[in-house]
Amino acid sequence: MATKKSVKKAAKKAAKKSTRKYSPAAGKQVETEMREMKAGKLKSGRSGKKVTNPKQAIAIGLSEARKKGAKVPAKKS
């Protein structure tokens, strides 16, 4: 049987783990970009080429969210 101390520790660890890194607004922006990509309407920035890679669509969505001021972690450099 688990002791009170171990139960508290597990609850604290679970609470720490569930902190949101991205705001709901950022998630919504990524969702929008993914829909555009699937419809074949998403274009990349400068070149204007059609985006077919889901990872690229996510990156574009996060970039747009960042520009709008949504809570998104800084880019890795």
N, C-alpha and C. Protein backbone atom coordinates (compact mmCIF):
# COMPACT_ATOMS: atom_id res chain seq x y z
N MET A 1 0.84 -1.19 0.00
CA MET A 1 0.00 0.00 0.00
C MET A 1 0.88 1.25 0.00
N ALA A 2 0.47 2.23 -0.79
CA ALA A 2 1.24 3.46 -0.92
C ALA A 2 1.09 4.34 0.32
N THR A 3 2.17 4.95 0.70
CA THR A 3 2.12 5.85 1.85
C THR A 3 1.62 7.21 1.40
N LYS A 4 1.25 8.03 2.37
CA LYS A 4 0.76 9.38 2.07
C LYS A 4 1.83 10.20 1.35
N LYS A 5 3.06 10.02 1.78
CA LYS A 5 4.17 10.79 1.21
C LYS A 5 4.37 10.47 -0.28
N SER A 6 4.32 9.17 -0.62
CA SER A 6 4.53 8.77 -2.02
C SER A 6 3.36 9.20 -2.90
N VAL A 7 2.16 9.20 -2.34
CA VAL A 7 0.97 9.63 -3.10
C VAL A 7 1.06 11.14 -3.38
N LYS A 8 1.47 11.90 -2.36
CA LYS A 8 1.63 13.35 -2.52
C LYS A 8 2.69 13.66 -3.57
N LYS A 9 3.79 12.91 -3.52
CA LYS A 9 4.90 13.12 -4.44
C LYS A 9 4.46 12.83 -5.88
N ALA A 10 3.69 11.78 -6.07
CA ALA A 10 3.20 11.41 -7.40
C ALA A 10 2.22 12.47 -7.93
N ALA A 11 1.37 12.99 -7.05
CA ALA A 11 0.41 14.01 -7.44
C ALA A 11 1.14 15.30 -7.84
N LYS A 12 2.19 15.63 -7.10
CA LYS A 12 2.97 16.84 -7.39
C LYS A 12 3.68 16.69 -8.74
N LYS A 13 4.22 15.50 -8.99
CA LYS A 13 4.91 15.24 -10.26
C LYS A 13 3.94 15.32 -11.43
N ALA A 14 2.73 14.79 -11.27
CA ALA A 14 1.71 14.82 -12.32
C ALA A 14 1.27 16.25 -12.61
N ALA A 15 1.14 17.06 -11.55
CA ALA A 15 0.74 18.45 -11.71
C ALA A 15 1.81 19.24 -12.45
N LYS A 16 3.06 18.94 -12.16
CA LYS A 16 4.17 19.63 -12.80
C LYS A 16 4.27 19.26 -14.28
N LYS A 17 3.97 18.02 -14.58
CA LYS A 17 4.07 17.49 -15.93
C LYS A 17 3.01 18.09 -16.87
N SER A 18 1.86 18.46 -16.34
CA SER A 18 0.75 18.89 -17.18
C SER A 18 0.71 20.39 -17.46
N THR A 19 1.79 21.10 -17.21
CA THR A 19 1.80 22.52 -17.51
C THR A 19 1.81 22.72 -19.03
N ARG A 20 1.00 23.66 -19.49
CA ARG A 20 0.88 23.88 -20.93
C ARG A 20 2.08 24.67 -21.45
N LYS A 21 2.65 24.19 -22.53
CA LYS A 21 3.75 24.91 -23.16
C LYS A 21 3.22 25.86 -24.22
N TYR A 22 2.11 25.47 -24.85
CA TYR A 22 1.51 26.27 -25.92
C TYR A 22 0.11 26.69 -25.49
N SER A 23 -0.26 27.90 -25.81
CA SER A 23 -1.59 28.40 -25.45
C SER A 23 -2.63 27.77 -26.37
N PRO A 24 -3.90 27.76 -25.96
CA PRO A 24 -4.97 27.25 -26.82
C PRO A 24 -5.05 28.02 -28.15
N ALA A 25 -4.74 29.30 -28.11
CA ALA A 25 -4.76 30.12 -29.33
C ALA A 25 -3.71 29.61 -30.33
N ALA A 26 -2.56 29.21 -29.82
CA ALA A 26 -1.50 28.68 -30.69
C ALA A 26 -1.95 27.36 -31.32
N GLY A 27 -2.59 26.54 -30.53
CA GLY A 27 -3.10 25.26 -31.04
C GLY A 27 -4.13 25.46 -32.13
N LYS A 28 -4.97 26.45 -31.94
CA LYS A 28 -6.00 26.76 -32.93
C LYS A 28 -5.37 27.23 -34.24
N GLN A 29 -4.32 28.04 -34.14
CA GLN A 29 -3.63 28.55 -35.32
C GLN A 29 -2.98 27.40 -36.11
N VAL A 30 -2.37 26.46 -35.39
CA VAL A 30 -1.74 25.30 -36.03
C VAL A 30 -2.81 24.46 -36.72
N GLU A 31 -3.95 24.30 -36.05
CA GLU A 31 -5.07 23.53 -36.61
C GLU A 31 -5.53 24.15 -37.94
N THR A 32 -5.63 25.47 -37.96
CA THR A 32 -6.05 26.19 -39.16
C THR A 32 -5.06 25.95 -40.31
N GLU A 33 -3.77 26.04 -39.99
CA GLU A 33 -2.73 25.85 -41.01
C GLU A 33 -2.75 24.41 -41.53
N MET A 34 -3.00 23.44 -40.66
CA MET A 34 -3.06 22.04 -41.08
C MET A 34 -4.23 21.82 -42.04
N ARG A 35 -5.35 22.45 -41.74
CA ARG A 35 -6.52 22.33 -42.63
C ARG A 35 -6.20 22.90 -44.01
N GLU A 36 -5.53 24.07 -44.01
CA GLU A 36 -5.14 24.69 -45.28
C GLU A 36 -4.20 23.78 -46.06
N MET A 37 -3.26 23.15 -45.35
CA MET A 37 -2.30 22.26 -46.01
C MET A 37 -3.03 21.07 -46.64
N LYS A 38 -3.95 20.50 -45.90
CA LYS A 38 -4.69 19.33 -46.39
C LYS A 38 -5.56 19.69 -47.59
N ALA A 39 -6.04 20.94 -47.61
CA ALA A 39 -6.85 21.40 -48.74
C ALA A 39 -5.98 21.81 -49.92
N GLY A 40 -4.66 21.87 -49.71
CA GLY A 40 -3.73 22.24 -50.77
C GLY A 40 -3.63 23.73 -51.01
N LYS A 41 -4.00 24.52 -50.01
CA LYS A 41 -4.00 25.98 -50.15
C LYS A 41 -2.90 26.68 -49.36
N LEU A 42 -2.12 25.92 -48.60
CA LEU A 42 -1.08 26.53 -47.78
C LEU A 42 0.18 26.74 -48.59
N LYS A 43 0.66 27.97 -48.61
CA LYS A 43 1.88 28.32 -49.34
C LYS A 43 2.95 28.75 -48.34
N SER A 44 4.21 28.48 -48.72
CA SER A 44 5.31 28.90 -47.85
C SER A 44 5.59 30.37 -48.08
N GLY A 45 6.29 30.97 -47.12
CA GLY A 45 6.52 32.41 -47.11
C GLY A 45 7.05 33.06 -48.36
N ARG A 46 8.34 33.06 -48.55
CA ARG A 46 8.96 33.81 -49.65
C ARG A 46 8.73 33.19 -51.01
N SER A 47 8.97 31.88 -51.13
CA SER A 47 8.91 31.25 -52.44
C SER A 47 7.47 31.07 -52.93
N GLY A 48 6.55 30.94 -52.00
CA GLY A 48 5.14 30.77 -52.38
C GLY A 48 4.82 29.37 -52.87
N LYS A 49 5.74 28.42 -52.61
CA LYS A 49 5.50 27.03 -53.02
C LYS A 49 4.48 26.38 -52.10
N LYS A 50 3.78 25.38 -52.64
CA LYS A 50 2.77 24.67 -51.86
C LYS A 50 3.43 23.83 -50.77
N VAL A 51 2.88 23.90 -49.58
CA VAL A 51 3.40 23.13 -48.44
C VAL A 51 2.73 21.77 -48.42
N THR A 52 3.54 20.69 -48.38
CA THR A 52 2.99 19.33 -48.33
C THR A 52 3.43 18.58 -47.08
N ASN A 53 4.39 19.13 -46.35
CA ASN A 53 4.93 18.48 -45.16
C ASN A 53 4.18 18.97 -43.91
N PRO A 54 3.57 18.05 -43.14
CA PRO A 54 2.85 18.45 -41.93
C PRO A 54 3.72 19.20 -40.92
N LYS A 55 5.00 18.82 -40.80
CA LYS A 55 5.89 19.50 -39.86
C LYS A 55 6.08 20.96 -40.25
N GLN A 56 6.14 21.20 -41.55
CA GLN A 56 6.29 22.57 -42.04
C GLN A 56 5.02 23.37 -41.75
N ALA A 57 3.86 22.72 -41.89
CA ALA A 57 2.59 23.38 -41.61
C ALA A 57 2.51 23.77 -40.13
N ILE A 58 2.99 22.90 -39.26
CA ILE A 58 3.00 23.19 -37.82
C ILE A 58 3.91 24.37 -37.53
N ALA A 59 5.08 24.37 -38.17
CA ALA A 59 6.04 25.47 -37.97
C ALA A 59 5.44 26.80 -38.42
N ILE A 60 4.73 26.79 -39.54
CA ILE A 60 4.09 28.00 -40.04
C ILE A 60 3.02 28.46 -39.06
N GLY A 61 2.23 27.51 -38.54
CA GLY A 61 1.17 27.83 -37.58
C GLY A 61 1.72 28.45 -36.32
N LEU A 62 2.82 27.89 -35.80
CA LEU A 62 3.43 28.43 -34.58
C LEU A 62 4.02 29.81 -34.83
N SER A 63 4.59 29.99 -36.01
CA SER A 63 5.16 31.28 -36.37
C SER A 63 4.08 32.36 -36.42
N GLU A 64 2.95 32.00 -37.03
CA GLU A 64 1.82 32.95 -37.12
C GLU A 64 1.28 33.27 -35.73
N ALA A 65 1.19 32.24 -34.87
CA ALA A 65 0.71 32.44 -33.50
C ALA A 65 1.64 33.36 -32.74
N ARG A 66 2.96 33.18 -32.95
CA ARG A 66 3.96 34.02 -32.30
C ARG A 66 3.78 35.48 -32.71
N LYS A 67 3.51 35.70 -34.00
CA LYS A 67 3.31 37.07 -34.51
C LYS A 67 2.08 37.71 -33.90
N LYS A 68 1.05 36.89 -33.64
CA LYS A 68 -0.20 37.41 -33.05
C LYS A 68 -0.10 37.60 -31.54
N GLY A 69 0.99 37.13 -30.95
CA GLY A 69 1.20 37.33 -29.51
C GLY A 69 0.73 36.19 -28.63
N ALA A 70 0.47 35.03 -29.20
CA ALA A 70 0.03 33.87 -28.40
C ALA A 70 1.23 33.30 -27.64
N LYS A 71 0.94 32.55 -26.57
CA LYS A 71 2.00 31.98 -25.74
C LYS A 71 2.59 30.77 -26.45
N VAL A 72 3.80 30.97 -27.00
CA VAL A 72 4.52 29.92 -27.71
C VAL A 72 5.97 30.01 -27.27
N PRO A 73 6.61 28.86 -26.93
CA PRO A 73 8.02 28.91 -26.55
C PRO A 73 8.88 29.48 -27.66
N ALA A 74 10.00 30.06 -27.31
CA ALA A 74 10.91 30.63 -28.30
C ALA A 74 11.49 29.53 -29.18
N LYS A 75 11.89 29.91 -30.40
CA LYS A 75 12.48 28.94 -31.31
C LYS A 75 13.78 28.43 -30.73
N LYS A 76 14.11 27.15 -31.03
CA LYS A 76 15.39 26.59 -30.62
C LYS A 76 16.44 27.09 -31.58
N SER A 77 17.59 27.48 -31.05
CA SER A 77 18.63 27.98 -31.95
C SER A 77 19.90 27.17 -31.80
